[in-house]
Protein backbone atom coordinates (compact mmCIF):
# COMPACT_ATOMS: atom_id res chain seq x y z
CA MET A 1 34.28 89.55 -104.00
CA THR A 2 31.25 89.87 -101.99
CA GLN A 3 27.80 91.15 -103.23
CA LYS A 4 26.85 94.72 -102.05
CA PRO A 5 23.41 95.61 -101.38
CA GLY A 6 21.39 96.00 -104.49
CA ASP A 7 23.90 94.45 -106.70
CA GLU A 8 22.35 91.67 -108.69
CA THR A 9 25.10 90.01 -110.24
CA PRO A 10 26.17 86.75 -108.30
CA PRO A 11 29.97 86.31 -107.52
CA SER A 12 31.72 84.58 -110.34
CA ASP A 13 32.67 80.98 -110.22
CA LYS A 14 36.39 82.17 -110.06
CA GLN A 15 35.97 83.93 -106.88
CA ASN A 16 33.98 81.23 -105.35
CA LEU A 17 37.06 78.98 -106.48
CA GLN A 18 39.46 81.31 -104.81
CA ASP A 19 37.33 81.47 -101.78
CA SER A 20 37.36 77.70 -101.50
CA ILE A 21 41.00 77.37 -101.99
CA ALA A 22 41.52 80.04 -99.30
CA ALA A 23 39.44 78.17 -96.82
CA GLN A 24 41.10 74.97 -97.60
CA SER A 25 44.47 76.64 -97.10
CA ASP A 26 43.43 77.99 -93.82
CA THR A 27 42.37 74.35 -92.82
CA GLN A 28 45.44 72.83 -93.88
CA THR A 29 47.63 75.65 -92.06
CA ARG A 30 45.73 74.87 -88.81
CA ALA A 31 45.90 71.02 -89.38
CA ALA A 32 49.98 71.78 -89.72
CA ARG A 33 50.02 73.69 -86.39
CA GLN A 34 48.53 70.96 -84.32
CA SER A 35 50.52 69.04 -81.89
CA VAL A 36 51.70 65.55 -82.77
CA VAL A 37 48.83 64.17 -80.36
CA GLY A 38 46.22 66.45 -81.64
CA GLY A 39 47.32 65.48 -85.21
CA VAL A 40 47.01 61.48 -84.38
CA VAL A 41 43.50 62.23 -82.93
CA SER A 42 42.42 64.40 -85.90
CA SER A 43 43.64 61.65 -88.29
CA VAL A 44 41.87 58.74 -86.33
CA LYS A 45 38.53 60.82 -86.20
CA HIS A 46 38.91 61.32 -89.84
CA LEU A 47 39.46 57.50 -90.55
CA GLN A 48 36.56 56.74 -88.37
CA ASP A 49 34.45 59.06 -90.43
CA ALA A 50 35.59 57.74 -93.67
CA HIS A 51 34.85 54.28 -92.43
CA ALA A 52 31.40 55.26 -91.25
CA GLU A 53 30.77 57.08 -94.57
CA THR A 54 32.01 54.11 -96.84
CA GLY A 55 30.30 51.42 -94.84
CA VAL A 56 31.34 47.75 -94.68
CA ILE A 57 33.81 46.69 -97.45
CA LYS A 58 33.47 43.28 -98.55
CA LEU A 59 36.59 41.11 -98.34
CA ARG A 60 37.76 39.88 -101.68
CA ALA A 61 38.66 36.34 -102.07
CA SER A 62 42.63 36.61 -101.92
CA ASP A 63 41.72 38.48 -98.42
CA ARG A 64 39.89 35.52 -97.02
CA ALA A 65 42.70 33.13 -98.41
CA THR A 66 45.12 35.43 -96.60
CA TRP A 67 43.29 35.39 -93.25
CA ILE A 68 43.03 31.41 -93.69
CA LEU A 69 46.79 31.07 -94.07
CA LEU A 70 47.43 33.52 -91.15
CA ILE A 71 45.15 31.27 -88.84
CA VAL A 72 47.06 28.53 -90.14
CA ALA A 73 50.59 30.01 -89.45
CA LEU A 74 49.49 30.79 -85.96
CA GLY A 75 48.11 27.24 -85.48
CA LEU A 76 51.51 26.16 -86.38
CA ILE A 77 53.00 28.14 -83.84
CA VAL A 78 50.88 27.08 -81.20
CA ALA A 79 51.37 23.46 -82.28
CA ALA A 80 55.15 23.95 -82.18
CA GLN A 81 54.98 24.35 -78.37
CA PHE A 82 53.04 21.33 -77.80
CA LEU A 83 54.75 18.92 -80.46
CA GLN A 84 58.70 19.42 -79.14
CA ALA A 85 59.91 16.88 -81.68
CA GLN A 86 58.63 18.82 -84.51
CA LYS A 87 59.11 22.08 -83.07
CA ASN A 88 61.84 23.24 -85.36
CA VAL A 89 59.82 22.19 -88.49
CA CYS A 90 56.45 23.80 -87.31
CA THR A 91 58.42 27.02 -86.57
CA LEU A 92 60.20 27.37 -90.15
CA ILE A 93 56.95 26.69 -91.78
CA ALA A 94 55.03 29.29 -90.01
CA ASP A 95 57.90 31.46 -90.65
CA ALA A 96 57.87 31.00 -94.33
CA LEU A 97 53.90 31.02 -94.39
CA MET A 98 53.84 34.49 -92.56
CA ALA A 99 56.53 35.89 -94.98
CA LEU A 100 54.29 34.71 -98.01
CA ILE A 101 51.06 36.00 -96.55
CA LEU A 102 52.92 39.56 -95.83
CA LEU A 103 54.32 39.64 -99.35
CA ALA A 104 51.04 38.71 -100.99
CA PHE A 105 49.07 41.21 -98.78
CA LEU A 106 51.38 44.15 -99.67
CA GLY A 107 51.28 43.00 -103.43
CA MET A 108 47.66 42.93 -103.72
CA ARG A 109 47.73 46.51 -102.31
CA PHE A 110 50.64 48.10 -103.99
CA GLY A 111 48.64 48.76 -106.93
CA VAL A 112 46.62 51.23 -105.35
CA LEU A 113 49.20 53.72 -105.50
CA ARG A 114 48.66 54.23 -109.08
CA SER A 115 45.26 55.68 -108.77
CA LEU A 116 46.62 58.40 -106.30
CA SER A 117 47.95 61.78 -107.05
CA SER A 118 51.81 62.35 -107.14
CA ARG A 119 51.61 63.73 -103.69
CA GLN A 120 49.07 61.07 -102.02
CA ALA A 121 51.53 58.39 -103.22
CA VAL A 122 54.54 59.91 -101.85
CA LEU A 123 52.83 60.24 -98.57
CA ALA A 124 51.30 56.83 -98.62
CA TRP A 125 54.67 55.40 -99.52
CA GLN A 126 56.15 57.35 -96.42
CA LEU A 127 53.35 55.82 -94.09
CA ILE A 128 54.45 52.02 -95.53
CA LEU A 129 58.08 53.11 -94.93
CA GLY A 130 57.18 54.20 -91.24
CA SER A 131 55.17 51.10 -90.68
CA PHE A 132 58.17 48.98 -91.95
CA LEU A 133 60.42 50.76 -89.41
CA LEU A 134 58.07 50.25 -86.59
CA GLY A 135 57.91 46.51 -87.60
CA LEU A 136 61.85 46.67 -87.17
CA TYR A 137 61.54 48.29 -83.80
CA VAL A 138 59.01 45.95 -82.47
CA ALA A 139 61.12 42.95 -84.00
CA PHE A 140 64.38 44.26 -82.06
CA ASN A 141 62.61 45.17 -78.69
CA THR A 142 61.06 41.59 -78.86
CA GLN A 143 64.68 40.12 -79.23
CA LEU A 144 66.03 42.17 -76.55
CA LEU A 145 63.16 40.95 -74.19
CA ALA A 146 63.91 37.35 -75.07
CA LEU A 147 67.58 37.78 -74.31
CA MET A 148 66.78 39.35 -71.22
CA TYR A 149 64.50 36.74 -70.21
CA GLU A 150 67.18 34.07 -71.25
CA GLY A 151 69.39 35.93 -68.89
CA LEU A 152 72.16 36.57 -71.80
CA LEU A 153 71.39 40.12 -71.58
CA PHE A 154 72.16 42.87 -68.77
CA LYS A 155 73.69 40.25 -66.32
């Protein structure tokens, strides 16, 4: 409801809420109609704005430990290239360490799903699964490139 000239009563809170919901629905409808590229660009812009709004988030001690272990694992991979006698041992230790880092990182952040609404939790889970599928794709194609480089594929 809009105010008519001379009408001294403000619009009701219920009407304001309905107008707000209608505006939000219109925004969501426009966002749903965006192309894939437009949606990605809008999402990246939204994340940039969110990061600017929240400022710098301090790392927890467990995050620092994760980063340190990641650097150690990468150092082991580099060392494996120079220490031919221990190449297999270094690679296996680095692989196990990377798995531990990944599981710890995911485990520390998995609890945040409980703080989200049901819809947000499902969407976050879908993003997690999409990231997992992206990781499988990268691993598969890395293996294909290695096989092509060794001449074992597409002779």
